[in-house]
Amino acid sequence: MERAENVRSMLDLKPIELFAVLRKNPGIFLLDSAETRARYNAIHKVVHFSRDAVRTMVRKLPLLLSWETENLERKIDDMRQLAYTRVQWQEEFDCITPSLLAFFFRDSTDLILRMEYLVATRAAPDASLKDLFKMTNSSFARKHPDFRAWRVVRLQKKQEKRARLERQKMLARQEQEQRQQALMAHQSYVQQQQQQQQEER
């Protein structure tokens, strides 16, 4: 009850509203009150909204209280970098509403992919963030029939890059091990030489 009361007080909820929030994110009960409040306060620093605006956003998407702050920052940063590639998107991002930002967080993976696709292909130059976010996956795919193929190619490139980085790391580890072995062999040789010289004396 203490944790539920903490959420109710923090979000200024009526009892019936509290039940709705807890249904959307029962995981809140897994966090102690101090952790929940710390994450709630961190949201203010990440999104730079007023207290009322953050409260509105969290009410719409209570799952935000279960996210690590680093995860939230990464999603915002990804969105900002893409939004700043188009003047219209930048203007929308700079004055985004709590409701639309909550909508973005809910489906951020898919929405970031849509933004990446439009930036990469220079398609739909007049598309607004709101229209882009509100569109269903099937509607977006119908409007941009090569989107799915682009996603496949993008995934392949990411997998190839990941595999290349893993190979580089493996080679670096092997080189380090070889250097260590060579150093140990040299030290052993030096010790043997010193011991032999002492015995000869």
C-alpha atoms as a PDB file:
ATOM      1  CA  MET A   1       0.000   0.000   0.000  1.00  0.00           C
ATOM      2  CA  GLU A   2       2.862   2.362   0.747  1.00  0.00           C
ATOM      3  CA  ARG A   3       4.197   2.075  -2.815  1.00  0.00           C
ATOM      4  CA  ALA A   4       0.753   2.607  -4.314  1.00  0.00           C
ATOM      5  CA  GLU A   5       0.208   5.657  -2.124  1.00  0.00           C
ATOM      6  CA  ASN A   6       3.608   6.995  -3.189  1.00  0.00           C
ATOM      7  CA  VAL A   7       2.590   6.751  -6.862  1.00  0.00           C
ATOM      8  CA  ARG A   8      -0.814   8.316  -6.153  1.00  0.00           C
ATOM      9  CA  SER A   9       0.767  11.254  -4.352  1.00  0.00           C
ATOM     10  CA  MET A  10       3.543  11.694  -6.898  1.00  0.00           C
ATOM     11  CA  LEU A  11       1.174  11.803  -9.885  1.00  0.00           C
ATOM     12  CA  ASP A  12      -1.651  13.544  -7.998  1.00  0.00           C
ATOM     13  CA  LEU A  13      -4.122  10.772  -8.836  1.00  0.00           C
ATOM     14  CA  LYS A  14      -7.628  10.032  -7.691  1.00  0.00           C
ATOM     15  CA  PRO A  15      -8.150   6.446  -6.430  1.00  0.00           C
ATOM     16  CA  ILE A  16      -9.807   5.326  -9.673  1.00  0.00           C
ATOM     17  CA  GLU A  17      -6.971   6.912 -11.684  1.00  0.00           C
ATOM     18  CA  LEU A  18      -4.422   5.113  -9.511  1.00  0.00           C
ATOM     19  CA  PHE A  19      -5.956   1.741 -10.354  1.00  0.00           C
ATOM     20  CA  ALA A  20      -5.752   2.579 -14.074  1.00  0.00           C
ATOM     21  CA  VAL A  21      -2.052   3.488 -13.749  1.00  0.00           C
ATOM     22  CA  LEU A  22      -1.261   0.320 -11.801  1.00  0.00           C
ATOM     23  CA  ARG A  23      -3.028  -1.797 -14.418  1.00  0.00           C
ATOM     24  CA  LYS A  24      -0.854  -0.244 -17.122  1.00  0.00           C
ATOM     25  CA  ASN A  25       2.323  -0.821 -15.132  1.00  0.00           C
ATOM     26  CA  PRO A  26       2.015  -3.336 -12.275  1.00  0.00           C
ATOM     27  CA  GLY A  27       5.818  -3.449 -12.252  1.00  0.00           C
ATOM     28  CA  ILE A  28       5.754  -0.275 -10.169  1.00  0.00           C
ATOM     29  CA  PHE A  29       5.209  -2.520  -7.163  1.00  0.00           C
ATOM     30  CA  LEU A  30       8.640  -4.082  -7.765  1.00  0.00           C
ATOM     31  CA  LEU A  31      10.377  -0.763  -7.095  1.00  0.00           C
ATOM     32  CA  ASP A  32      10.618   0.768  -3.661  1.00  0.00           C
ATOM     33  CA  SER A  33       9.187   4.242  -3.178  1.00  0.00           C
ATOM     34  CA  ALA A  34      12.579   5.971  -3.202  1.00  0.00           C
ATOM     35  CA  GLU A  35      13.571   4.368  -6.516  1.00  0.00           C
ATOM     36  CA  THR A  36      10.228   5.222  -8.123  1.00  0.00           C
ATOM     37  CA  ARG A  37      10.502   8.844  -7.054  1.00  0.00           C
ATOM     38  CA  ALA A  38      14.138   9.042  -8.204  1.00  0.00           C
ATOM     39  CA  ARG A  39      13.183   7.816 -11.661  1.00  0.00           C
ATOM     40  CA  TYR A  40      10.251  10.201 -11.778  1.00  0.00           C
ATOM     41  CA  ASN A  41      12.528  13.123 -10.914  1.00  0.00           C
ATOM     42  CA  ALA A  42      15.047  11.961 -13.528  1.00  0.00           C
ATOM     43  CA  ILE A  43      12.380  12.202 -16.237  1.00  0.00           C
ATOM     44  CA  HIS A  44      12.173  15.962 -15.585  1.00  0.00           C
ATOM     45  CA  LYS A  45      15.893  16.329 -16.272  1.00  0.00           C
ATOM     46  CA  VAL A  46      15.750  14.259 -19.456  1.00  0.00           C
ATOM     47  CA  VAL A  47      12.716  15.785 -21.192  1.00  0.00           C
ATOM     48  CA  HIS A  48      12.942  19.345 -19.771  1.00  0.00           C
ATOM     49  CA  PHE A  49       9.187  19.595 -19.243  1.00  0.00           C
ATOM     50  CA  SER A  50       7.368  21.338 -16.431  1.00  0.00           C
ATOM     51  CA  ARG A  51       6.199  19.284 -13.460  1.00  0.00           C
ATOM     52  CA  ASP A  52       2.637  19.273 -14.752  1.00  0.00           C
ATOM     53  CA  ALA A  53       3.748  18.221 -18.241  1.00  0.00           C
ATOM     54  CA  VAL A  54       5.845  15.334 -16.910  1.00  0.00           C
ATOM     55  CA  ARG A  55       2.960  14.249 -14.703  1.00  0.00           C
ATOM     56  CA  THR A  56       0.673  14.228 -17.752  1.00  0.00           C
ATOM     57  CA  MET A  57       3.155  12.190 -19.776  1.00  0.00           C
ATOM     58  CA  VAL A  58       3.716   9.599 -17.040  1.00  0.00           C
ATOM     59  CA  ARG A  59      -0.019   9.247 -16.519  1.00  0.00           C
ATOM     60  CA  LYS A  60      -0.350   8.377 -20.193  1.00  0.00           C
ATOM     61  CA  LEU A  61       2.606   5.983 -20.127  1.00  0.00           C
ATOM     62  CA  PRO A  62       3.281   4.721 -16.573  1.00  0.00           C
ATOM     63  CA  LEU A  63       5.865   2.277 -17.967  1.00  0.00           C
ATOM     64  CA  LEU A  64       8.268   5.226 -17.972  1.00  0.00           C
ATOM     65  CA  LEU A  65       8.653   4.745 -14.228  1.00  0.00           C
ATOM     66  CA  SER A  66      10.127   1.288 -14.837  1.00  0.00           C
ATOM     67  CA  TRP A  67      12.702   2.460 -17.375  1.00  0.00           C
ATOM     68  CA  GLU A  68      16.324   3.108 -16.550  1.00  0.00           C
ATOM     69  CA  THR A  69      17.232   6.774 -16.960  1.00  0.00           C
ATOM     70  CA  GLU A  70      19.974   5.837 -19.452  1.00  0.00           C
ATOM     71  CA  ASN A  71      17.386   4.116 -21.652  1.00  0.00           C
ATOM     72  CA  LEU A  72      15.192   7.209 -21.616  1.00  0.00           C
ATOM     73  CA  GLU A  73      18.134   9.471 -22.462  1.00  0.00           C
ATOM     74  CA  ARG A  74      19.176   7.241 -25.359  1.00  0.00           C
ATOM     75  CA  LYS A  75      15.701   7.284 -26.902  1.00  0.00           C
ATOM     76  CA  ILE A  76      15.422  11.055 -26.598  1.00  0.00           C
ATOM     77  CA  ASP A  77      18.900  11.511 -28.070  1.00  0.00           C
ATOM     78  CA  ASP A  78      18.121   9.225 -31.024  1.00  0.00           C
ATOM     79  CA  MET A  79      14.950  11.153 -31.718  1.00  0.00           C
ATOM     80  CA  ARG A  80      16.675  14.539 -31.382  1.00  0.00           C
ATOM     81  CA  GLN A  81      19.483  13.641 -33.787  1.00  0.00           C
ATOM     82  CA  LEU A  82      17.012  12.515 -36.447  1.00  0.00           C
ATOM     83  CA  ALA A  83      14.581  15.377 -35.842  1.00  0.00           C
ATOM     84  CA  TYR A  84      17.354  17.918 -36.340  1.00  0.00           C
ATOM     85  CA  THR A  85      17.948  16.690 -39.888  1.00  0.00           C
ATOM     86  CA  ARG A  86      14.741  18.413 -41.040  1.00  0.00           C
ATOM     87  CA  VAL A  87      13.621  21.946 -40.248  1.00  0.00           C
ATOM     88  CA  GLN A  88       9.985  20.972 -39.718  1.00  0.00           C
ATOM     89  CA  TRP A  89      10.875  18.068 -37.445  1.00  0.00           C
ATOM     90  CA  GLN A  90      13.252  20.249 -35.443  1.00  0.00           C
ATOM     91  CA  GLU A  91      10.523  22.819 -34.857  1.00  0.00           C
ATOM     92  CA  GLU A  92       8.099  20.090 -33.806  1.00  0.00           C
ATOM     93  CA  PHE A  93      10.652  18.433 -31.546  1.00  0.00           C
ATOM     94  CA  ASP A  94      11.498  21.689 -29.796  1.00  0.00           C
ATOM     95  CA  CYS A  95       7.845  22.203 -28.825  1.00  0.00           C
ATOM     96  CA  ILE A  96       6.682  18.579 -28.606  1.00  0.00           C
ATOM     97  CA  THR A  97       3.707  17.945 -26.336  1.00  0.00           C
ATOM     98  CA  PRO A  98       3.760  15.497 -23.412  1.00  0.00           C
ATOM     99  CA  SER A  99       1.060  13.465 -25.149  1.00  0.00           C
ATOM    100  CA  LEU A 100       3.025  13.077 -28.390  1.00  0.00           C
ATOM    101  CA  LEU A 101       6.256  12.313 -26.548  1.00  0.00           C
ATOM    102  CA  ALA A 102       4.472   9.596 -24.562  1.00  0.00           C
ATOM    103  CA  PHE A 103       3.221   8.219 -27.865  1.00  0.00           C
ATOM    104  CA  PHE A 104       6.803   8.205 -29.156  1.00  0.00           C
ATOM    105  CA  PHE A 105       8.170   6.400 -26.103  1.00  0.00           C
ATOM    106  CA  ARG A 106       5.488   3.730 -26.379  1.00  0.00           C
ATOM    107  CA  ASP A 107       6.614   2.667 -29.860  1.00  0.00           C
ATOM    108  CA  SER A 108      10.038   4.299 -30.037  1.00  0.00           C
ATOM    109  CA  THR A 109      11.825   1.444 -31.824  1.00  0.00           C
ATOM    110  CA  ASP A 110       9.426   1.429 -34.774  1.00  0.00           C
ATOM    111  CA  LEU A 111       9.143   5.209 -34.894  1.00  0.00           C
ATOM    112  CA  ILE A 112      12.902   5.719 -34.893  1.00  0.00           C
ATOM    113  CA  LEU A 113      13.123   3.286 -37.805  1.00  0.00           C
ATOM    114  CA  ARG A 114      10.524   5.293 -39.714  1.00  0.00           C
ATOM    115  CA  MET A 115      12.472   8.490 -39.134  1.00  0.00           C
ATOM    116  CA  GLU A 116      15.738   6.823 -40.162  1.00  0.00           C
ATOM    117  CA  TYR A 117      14.123   5.528 -43.338  1.00  0.00           C
ATOM    118  CA  LEU A 118      12.706   8.914 -44.365  1.00  0.00           C
ATOM    119  CA  VAL A 119      16.039  10.614 -43.668  1.00  0.00           C
ATOM    120  CA  ALA A 120      18.025   7.978 -45.575  1.00  0.00           C
ATOM    121  CA  THR A 121      15.696   7.941 -48.594  1.00  0.00           C
ATOM    122  CA  ARG A 122      14.667  11.616 -48.437  1.00  0.00           C
ATOM    123  CA  ALA A 123      11.084  10.450 -48.803  1.00  0.00           C
ATOM    124  CA  ALA A 124       7.995  12.362 -47.599  1.00  0.00           C
ATOM    125  CA  PRO A 125       9.822  15.671 -47.008  1.00  0.00           C
ATOM    126  CA  ASP A 126       6.605  17.307 -45.776  1.00  0.00           C
ATOM    127  CA  ALA A 127       5.671  14.574 -43.284  1.00  0.00           C
ATOM    128  CA  SER A 128       5.140  15.863 -39.757  1.00  0.00           C
ATOM    129  CA  LEU A 129       6.266  13.989 -36.675  1.00  0.00           C
ATOM    130  CA  LYS A 130       2.679  13.751 -35.465  1.00  0.00           C
ATOM    131  CA  ASP A 131       1.461  12.173 -38.703  1.00  0.00           C
ATOM    132  CA  LEU A 132       4.505   9.918 -38.788  1.00  0.00           C
ATOM    133  CA  PHE A 133       3.968   8.713 -35.224  1.00  0.00           C
ATOM    134  CA  LYS A 134       0.207   8.256 -35.456  1.00  0.00           C
ATOM    135  CA  MET A 135       0.364   6.167 -38.620  1.00  0.00           C
ATOM    136  CA  THR A 136      -0.021   2.412 -38.141  1.00  0.00           C
ATOM    137  CA  ASN A 137       2.766   0.090 -39.268  1.00  0.00           C
ATOM    138  CA  SER A 138       0.626  -1.304 -42.071  1.00  0.00           C
ATOM    139  CA  SER A 139      -0.329   2.186 -43.278  1.00  0.00           C
ATOM    140  CA  PHE A 140       3.293   3.303 -43.284  1.00  0.00           C
ATOM    141  CA  ALA A 141       4.356   0.167 -45.173  1.00  0.00           C
ATOM    142  CA  ARG A 142       1.643   0.738 -47.778  1.00  0.00           C
ATOM    143  CA  LYS A 143       2.705   4.338 -48.251  1.00  0.00           C
ATOM    144  CA  HIS A 144       6.384   3.347 -48.437  1.00  0.00           C
ATOM    145  CA  PRO A 145       6.452  -0.119 -50.072  1.00  0.00           C
ATOM    146  CA  ASP A 146      10.252  -0.401 -49.985  1.00  0.00           C
ATOM    147  CA  PHE A 147      10.404   0.237 -46.220  1.00  0.00           C
ATOM    148  CA  ARG A 148      10.439  -3.453 -45.284  1.00  0.00           C
ATOM    149  CA  ALA A 149      13.237  -4.211 -47.750  1.00  0.00           C
ATOM    150  CA  TRP A 150      15.174  -1.244 -46.363  1.00  0.00           C
ATOM    151  CA  ARG A 151      14.779  -2.643 -42.837  1.00  0.00           C
ATOM    152  CA  VAL A 152      16.167  -6.007 -43.947  1.00  0.00           C
ATOM    153  CA  VAL A 153      19.203  -4.374 -45.559  1.00  0.00           C
ATOM    154  CA  ARG A 154      19.698  -2.162 -42.495  1.00  0.00           C
ATOM    155  CA  LEU A 155      19.613  -5.185 -40.198  1.00  0.00           C
ATOM    156  CA  GLN A 156      22.102  -7.044 -42.383  1.00  0.00           C
ATOM    157  CA  LYS A 157      24.482  -4.089 -42.304  1.00  0.00           C
ATOM    158  CA  LYS A 158      24.204  -3.847 -38.517  1.00  0.00           C
ATOM    159  CA  GLN A 159      24.878  -7.568 -38.152  1.00  0.00           C
ATOM    160  CA  GLU A 160      27.881  -7.321 -40.478  1.00  0.00           C
ATOM    161  CA  LYS A 161      29.197  -4.335 -38.517  1.00  0.00           C
ATOM    162  CA  ARG A 162      28.706  -6.178 -35.229  1.00  0.00           C
ATOM    163  CA  ALA A 163      30.491  -9.252 -36.591  1.00  0.00           C
ATOM    164  CA  ARG A 164      33.344  -7.071 -37.883  1.00  0.00           C
ATOM    165  CA  LEU A 165      33.731  -5.396 -34.500  1.00  0.00           C
ATOM    166  CA  GLU A 166      33.723  -8.773 -32.756  1.00  0.00           C
ATOM    167  CA  ARG A 167      36.465 -10.005 -35.102  1.00  0.00           C
ATOM    168  CA  GLN A 168      38.503  -6.881 -34.393  1.00  0.00           C
ATOM    169  CA  LYS A 169      38.095  -7.398 -30.650  1.00  0.00           C
ATOM    170  CA  MET A 170      39.100 -11.055 -30.969  1.00  0.00           C
ATOM    171  CA  LEU A 171      42.195 -10.165 -32.999  1.00  0.00           C
ATOM    172  CA  ALA A 172      43.107  -7.462 -30.477  1.00  0.00           C
ATOM    173  CA  ARG A 173      42.799  -9.982 -27.626  1.00  0.00           C
ATOM    174  CA  GLN A 174      44.929 -12.497 -29.517  1.00  0.00           C
ATOM    175  CA  GLU A 175      47.607  -9.881 -30.184  1.00  0.00           C
ATOM    176  CA  GLN A 176      47.604  -8.874 -26.526  1.00  0.00           C
ATOM    177  CA  GLU A 177      47.922 -12.508 -25.432  1.00  0.00           C
ATOM    178  CA  GLN A 178      50.795 -13.038 -27.877  1.00  0.00           C
ATOM    179  CA  ARG A 179      52.584  -9.944 -26.557  1.00  0.00           C
ATOM    180  CA  GLN A 180      52.119 -11.150 -22.986  1.00  0.00           C
ATOM    181  CA  GLN A 181      53.420 -14.605 -23.885  1.00  0.00           C
ATOM    182  CA  ALA A 182      56.420 -13.083 -25.658  1.00  0.00           C
ATOM    183  CA  LEU A 183      57.106 -10.854 -22.655  1.00  0.00           C
ATOM    184  CA  MET A 184      56.868 -13.785 -20.253  1.00  0.00           C
ATOM    185  CA  ALA A 185      59.171 -15.844 -22.465  1.00  0.00           C
ATOM    186  CA  HIS A 186      61.681 -12.992 -22.563  1.00  0.00           C
ATOM    187  CA  GLN A 187      61.542 -12.542 -18.792  1.00  0.00           C
ATOM    188  CA  SER A 188      62.014 -16.276 -18.294  1.00  0.00           C
ATOM    189  CA  TYR A 189      65.012 -16.246 -20.640  1.00  0.00           C
ATOM    190  CA  VAL A 190      66.569 -13.294 -18.797  1.00  0.00           C
ATOM    191  CA  GLN A 191      66.084 -15.028 -15.448  1.00  0.00           C
ATOM    192  CA  GLN A 192      67.700 -18.209 -16.767  1.00  0.00           C
ATOM    193  CA  GLN A 193      70.664 -16.237 -18.075  1.00  0.00           C
ATOM    194  CA  GLN A 194      71.090 -14.440 -14.771  1.00  0.00           C
ATOM    195  CA  GLN A 195      70.868 -17.706 -12.845  1.00  0.00           C
ATOM    196  CA  GLN A 196      73.414 -19.334 -15.150  1.00  0.00           C
ATOM    197  CA  GLN A 197      75.826 -16.437 -14.694  1.00  0.00           C
ATOM    198  CA  GLN A 198      75.511 -16.683 -10.915  1.00  0.00           C
ATOM    199  CA  GLU A 199      76.209 -20.425 -11.019  1.00  0.00           C
ATOM    200  CA  GLU A 200      79.300 -19.893 -13.168  1.00  0.00           C
ATOM    201  CA  ARG A 201      80.707 -17.507 -10.567  1.00  0.00           C
END
